[in-house]
Amino acid sequence: MGGGVSHVWPDGLPLDVVCDAEGTPQRLRLRGNWHIVAEVATRWRVRKGWWRHGRWREYVTVATAGHLLLTLARELPDGSWELLYLHD
C-alpha cells in the first residue's frame, strides 16, 4: 500500500455491508463484487449536528482479504453504509 488516497467519495458511495451481531463489517459489495473483511484497522464515532439533537456517524477503516484498504461510514441508527476512501 502506498502513501496516499487513490479514490475519494466526499458525499459517500452507497455500499451493501454485512455485519456481525456487534455491527462489525464482515463483508461488503463494491462494484458488484463481494469482498471479505480481513481486519478492522480503526473505528470511531462522531456526533453530527449535536447542537440540533444530531445523529451519530461511525467510521471504520477495513482491510479486505483482497488487499483493499477502505474507509467506510455508517449512519446511526439507520445503519446505511457508504464508501468514503479507497486507499492506495
N, C-alpha and C. Protein backbone atom coordinates (compact mmCIF):
# COMPACT_ATOMS: atom_id res chain seq x y z
N MET A 1 0.84 -1.17 0.00
CA MET A 1 0.00 0.00 0.00
C MET A 1 0.89 1.24 0.00
N GLY A 2 0.47 2.22 -0.77
CA GLY A 2 1.25 3.44 -0.90
C GLY A 2 0.95 4.43 0.19
N GLY A 3 1.23 5.71 -0.11
CA GLY A 3 1.13 6.71 0.92
C GLY A 3 -0.04 7.67 0.79
N GLY A 4 -0.92 7.51 -0.19
CA GLY A 4 -1.98 8.48 -0.36
C GLY A 4 -3.32 7.84 -0.56
N VAL A 5 -4.30 8.68 -0.78
CA VAL A 5 -5.65 8.20 -1.05
C VAL A 5 -5.83 8.19 -2.56
N SER A 6 -6.18 7.03 -3.12
CA SER A 6 -6.30 6.96 -4.57
C SER A 6 -7.69 7.33 -5.07
N HIS A 7 -8.73 7.09 -4.27
CA HIS A 7 -10.09 7.46 -4.66
C HIS A 7 -10.82 8.02 -3.45
N VAL A 8 -11.53 9.12 -3.67
CA VAL A 8 -12.27 9.77 -2.59
C VAL A 8 -13.70 10.02 -3.07
N TRP A 9 -14.67 9.71 -2.22
CA TRP A 9 -16.07 10.00 -2.47
C TRP A 9 -16.55 10.90 -1.34
N PRO A 10 -16.44 12.24 -1.48
CA PRO A 10 -16.79 13.16 -0.39
C PRO A 10 -18.24 13.01 0.07
N ASP A 11 -19.15 12.70 -0.85
CA ASP A 11 -20.55 12.52 -0.49
C ASP A 11 -20.89 11.08 -0.17
N GLY A 12 -19.90 10.19 -0.28
CA GLY A 12 -20.10 8.78 0.01
C GLY A 12 -20.70 8.02 -1.17
N LEU A 13 -20.23 6.80 -1.34
CA LEU A 13 -20.75 5.88 -2.35
C LEU A 13 -21.51 4.80 -1.60
N PRO A 14 -22.84 4.68 -1.79
CA PRO A 14 -23.61 3.68 -1.04
C PRO A 14 -23.05 2.27 -1.23
N LEU A 15 -23.01 1.52 -0.12
CA LEU A 15 -22.47 0.16 -0.13
C LEU A 15 -23.41 -0.80 0.57
N ASP A 16 -23.40 -2.05 0.11
CA ASP A 16 -24.03 -3.14 0.86
C ASP A 16 -22.96 -3.71 1.77
N VAL A 17 -23.23 -3.74 3.07
CA VAL A 17 -22.28 -4.26 4.05
C VAL A 17 -23.01 -5.25 4.94
N VAL A 18 -22.40 -6.41 5.15
CA VAL A 18 -22.93 -7.42 6.06
C VAL A 18 -22.08 -7.38 7.32
N CYS A 19 -22.75 -7.22 8.47
CA CYS A 19 -22.05 -7.09 9.76
C CYS A 19 -22.36 -8.28 10.67
N ASP A 20 -21.52 -8.44 11.69
CA ASP A 20 -21.81 -9.43 12.71
C ASP A 20 -22.77 -8.82 13.73
N ALA A 21 -23.06 -9.54 14.81
CA ALA A 21 -24.02 -9.10 15.82
C ALA A 21 -23.60 -7.80 16.50
N GLU A 22 -22.30 -7.52 16.55
CA GLU A 22 -21.80 -6.29 17.19
C GLU A 22 -21.72 -5.12 16.22
N GLY A 23 -22.11 -5.33 14.95
CA GLY A 23 -22.07 -4.25 13.97
C GLY A 23 -20.74 -4.10 13.26
N THR A 24 -19.86 -5.08 13.41
CA THR A 24 -18.55 -5.04 12.75
C THR A 24 -18.69 -5.59 11.33
N PRO A 25 -18.23 -4.84 10.32
CA PRO A 25 -18.33 -5.33 8.94
C PRO A 25 -17.60 -6.66 8.75
N GLN A 26 -18.27 -7.59 8.07
CA GLN A 26 -17.71 -8.89 7.74
C GLN A 26 -17.43 -9.04 6.25
N ARG A 27 -18.30 -8.44 5.45
CA ARG A 27 -18.10 -8.42 4.00
C ARG A 27 -18.87 -7.25 3.42
N LEU A 28 -18.44 -6.83 2.22
CA LEU A 28 -19.07 -5.69 1.56
C LEU A 28 -19.05 -5.90 0.06
N ARG A 29 -20.03 -5.26 -0.59
CA ARG A 29 -20.12 -5.35 -2.05
C ARG A 29 -19.67 -4.03 -2.65
N LEU A 30 -18.61 -4.11 -3.48
CA LEU A 30 -18.04 -2.95 -4.15
C LEU A 30 -17.95 -3.26 -5.64
N ARG A 31 -18.55 -2.38 -6.44
CA ARG A 31 -18.55 -2.56 -7.90
C ARG A 31 -19.08 -3.94 -8.31
N GLY A 32 -20.11 -4.40 -7.60
CA GLY A 32 -20.75 -5.66 -7.93
C GLY A 32 -20.09 -6.91 -7.38
N ASN A 33 -18.93 -6.77 -6.74
CA ASN A 33 -18.21 -7.92 -6.20
C ASN A 33 -18.19 -7.88 -4.67
N TRP A 34 -18.36 -9.05 -4.06
CA TRP A 34 -18.30 -9.15 -2.60
C TRP A 34 -16.84 -9.30 -2.17
N HIS A 35 -16.48 -8.59 -1.08
CA HIS A 35 -15.14 -8.63 -0.51
C HIS A 35 -15.24 -8.99 0.96
N ILE A 36 -14.41 -9.93 1.39
CA ILE A 36 -14.36 -10.35 2.80
C ILE A 36 -13.49 -9.36 3.57
N VAL A 37 -13.99 -8.90 4.72
CA VAL A 37 -13.20 -8.03 5.59
C VAL A 37 -12.26 -8.90 6.41
N ALA A 38 -10.97 -8.69 6.23
CA ALA A 38 -9.95 -9.47 6.94
C ALA A 38 -9.60 -8.84 8.28
N GLU A 39 -9.68 -7.49 8.35
CA GLU A 39 -9.27 -6.79 9.57
C GLU A 39 -9.93 -5.42 9.64
N VAL A 40 -10.31 -5.03 10.85
CA VAL A 40 -10.76 -3.67 11.11
C VAL A 40 -9.56 -2.93 11.68
N ALA A 41 -9.07 -1.94 10.93
CA ALA A 41 -7.86 -1.22 11.35
C ALA A 41 -8.18 -0.14 12.38
N THR A 42 -9.23 0.65 12.14
CA THR A 42 -9.65 1.68 13.09
C THR A 42 -11.16 1.80 13.05
N ARG A 43 -11.69 2.34 14.16
CA ARG A 43 -13.14 2.51 14.26
C ARG A 43 -13.40 3.66 15.22
N TRP A 44 -14.24 4.64 14.81
CA TRP A 44 -14.56 5.75 15.69
C TRP A 44 -15.94 6.30 15.33
N ARG A 45 -16.54 7.02 16.29
CA ARG A 45 -17.85 7.62 16.10
C ARG A 45 -17.78 9.12 16.29
N VAL A 46 -18.61 9.82 15.51
CA VAL A 46 -18.69 11.28 15.58
C VAL A 46 -20.17 11.64 15.64
N ARG A 47 -20.49 12.58 16.51
CA ARG A 47 -21.88 13.06 16.57
C ARG A 47 -22.02 14.28 15.66
N LYS A 48 -22.88 14.15 14.66
CA LYS A 48 -23.11 15.21 13.69
C LYS A 48 -24.28 16.07 14.16
N GLY A 49 -24.12 17.37 14.10
CA GLY A 49 -25.22 18.26 14.44
C GLY A 49 -25.65 18.17 15.89
N TRP A 50 -24.71 18.01 16.80
CA TRP A 50 -25.02 17.83 18.22
C TRP A 50 -25.83 18.98 18.79
N TRP A 51 -25.68 20.16 18.21
CA TRP A 51 -26.40 21.34 18.70
C TRP A 51 -27.87 21.31 18.31
N ARG A 52 -28.24 20.37 17.42
CA ARG A 52 -29.63 20.23 16.98
C ARG A 52 -30.13 18.81 17.23
N HIS A 53 -29.73 18.22 18.32
CA HIS A 53 -30.10 16.83 18.61
C HIS A 53 -29.66 15.92 17.46
N GLY A 54 -28.40 16.06 17.11
CA GLY A 54 -27.83 15.39 15.94
C GLY A 54 -27.80 13.87 16.03
N ARG A 55 -27.27 13.30 14.99
CA ARG A 55 -27.16 11.85 14.85
C ARG A 55 -25.70 11.45 14.92
N TRP A 56 -25.49 10.20 15.22
CA TRP A 56 -24.14 9.65 15.26
C TRP A 56 -23.77 9.08 13.90
N ARG A 57 -22.49 9.17 13.58
CA ARG A 57 -21.95 8.55 12.38
C ARG A 57 -20.72 7.77 12.80
N GLU A 58 -20.63 6.54 12.35
CA GLU A 58 -19.49 5.69 12.68
C GLU A 58 -18.59 5.56 11.45
N TYR A 59 -17.29 5.65 11.69
CA TYR A 59 -16.29 5.48 10.63
C TYR A 59 -15.49 4.24 10.93
N VAL A 60 -15.20 3.47 9.88
CA VAL A 60 -14.46 2.22 10.03
C VAL A 60 -13.47 2.11 8.87
N THR A 61 -12.21 1.87 9.18
CA THR A 61 -11.24 1.57 8.14
C THR A 61 -10.97 0.08 8.19
N VAL A 62 -11.16 -0.59 7.06
CA VAL A 62 -11.03 -2.04 6.99
C VAL A 62 -10.03 -2.44 5.91
N ALA A 63 -9.42 -3.59 6.11
CA ALA A 63 -8.59 -4.23 5.10
C ALA A 63 -9.34 -5.48 4.65
N THR A 64 -9.42 -5.68 3.35
CA THR A 64 -10.12 -6.86 2.83
C THR A 64 -9.11 -7.98 2.56
N ALA A 65 -9.66 -9.17 2.40
CA ALA A 65 -8.82 -10.32 2.07
C ALA A 65 -8.13 -10.12 0.72
N GLY A 66 -8.69 -9.28 -0.14
CA GLY A 66 -8.10 -8.98 -1.45
C GLY A 66 -7.16 -7.79 -1.42
N HIS A 67 -6.76 -7.35 -0.21
CA HIS A 67 -5.76 -6.29 -0.02
C HIS A 67 -6.24 -4.89 -0.38
N LEU A 68 -7.53 -4.64 -0.21
CA LEU A 68 -8.04 -3.28 -0.34
C LEU A 68 -8.06 -2.66 1.05
N LEU A 69 -7.76 -1.38 1.14
CA LEU A 69 -7.87 -0.63 2.39
C LEU A 69 -8.92 0.44 2.16
N LEU A 70 -10.04 0.36 2.89
CA LEU A 70 -11.20 1.20 2.66
C LEU A 70 -11.62 1.90 3.94
N THR A 71 -12.08 3.13 3.82
CA THR A 71 -12.71 3.81 4.95
C THR A 71 -14.19 3.94 4.63
N LEU A 72 -15.01 3.42 5.54
CA LEU A 72 -16.45 3.39 5.39
C LEU A 72 -17.10 4.28 6.44
N ALA A 73 -18.33 4.71 6.18
CA ALA A 73 -19.11 5.46 7.15
C ALA A 73 -20.48 4.81 7.26
N ARG A 74 -21.01 4.75 8.50
CA ARG A 74 -22.34 4.21 8.73
C ARG A 74 -23.16 5.23 9.50
N GLU A 75 -24.33 5.55 8.97
CA GLU A 75 -25.26 6.45 9.66
C GLU A 75 -25.96 5.65 10.75
N LEU A 76 -26.02 6.24 11.94
CA LEU A 76 -26.69 5.59 13.06
C LEU A 76 -27.91 6.42 13.44
N PRO A 77 -29.02 5.84 13.74
CA PRO A 77 -29.22 4.42 13.96
C PRO A 77 -29.69 3.64 12.75
N ASP A 78 -29.89 4.29 11.58
CA ASP A 78 -30.49 3.57 10.45
C ASP A 78 -29.60 2.50 9.84
N GLY A 79 -28.28 2.63 9.97
CA GLY A 79 -27.37 1.56 9.56
C GLY A 79 -26.92 1.60 8.12
N SER A 80 -27.25 2.63 7.35
CA SER A 80 -26.81 2.67 5.95
C SER A 80 -25.30 2.95 5.89
N TRP A 81 -24.62 2.28 4.96
CA TRP A 81 -23.16 2.38 4.82
C TRP A 81 -22.79 3.11 3.54
N GLU A 82 -21.65 3.81 3.58
CA GLU A 82 -21.09 4.48 2.41
C GLU A 82 -19.59 4.29 2.38
N LEU A 83 -19.04 4.22 1.19
CA LEU A 83 -17.59 4.21 0.99
C LEU A 83 -17.12 5.65 0.88
N LEU A 84 -16.10 6.02 1.67
CA LEU A 84 -15.54 7.37 1.61
C LEU A 84 -14.19 7.40 0.91
N TYR A 85 -13.32 6.42 1.23
CA TYR A 85 -11.97 6.39 0.69
C TYR A 85 -11.57 4.97 0.28
N LEU A 86 -10.88 4.88 -0.84
CA LEU A 86 -10.18 3.66 -1.24
C LEU A 86 -8.72 4.06 -1.24
N HIS A 87 -7.99 3.61 -0.22
CA HIS A 87 -6.59 4.00 -0.05
C HIS A 87 -5.70 3.19 -0.99
N ASP A 88 -4.66 3.83 -1.51
CA ASP A 88 -3.74 3.07 -2.37
C ASP A 88 -2.62 2.47 -1.56
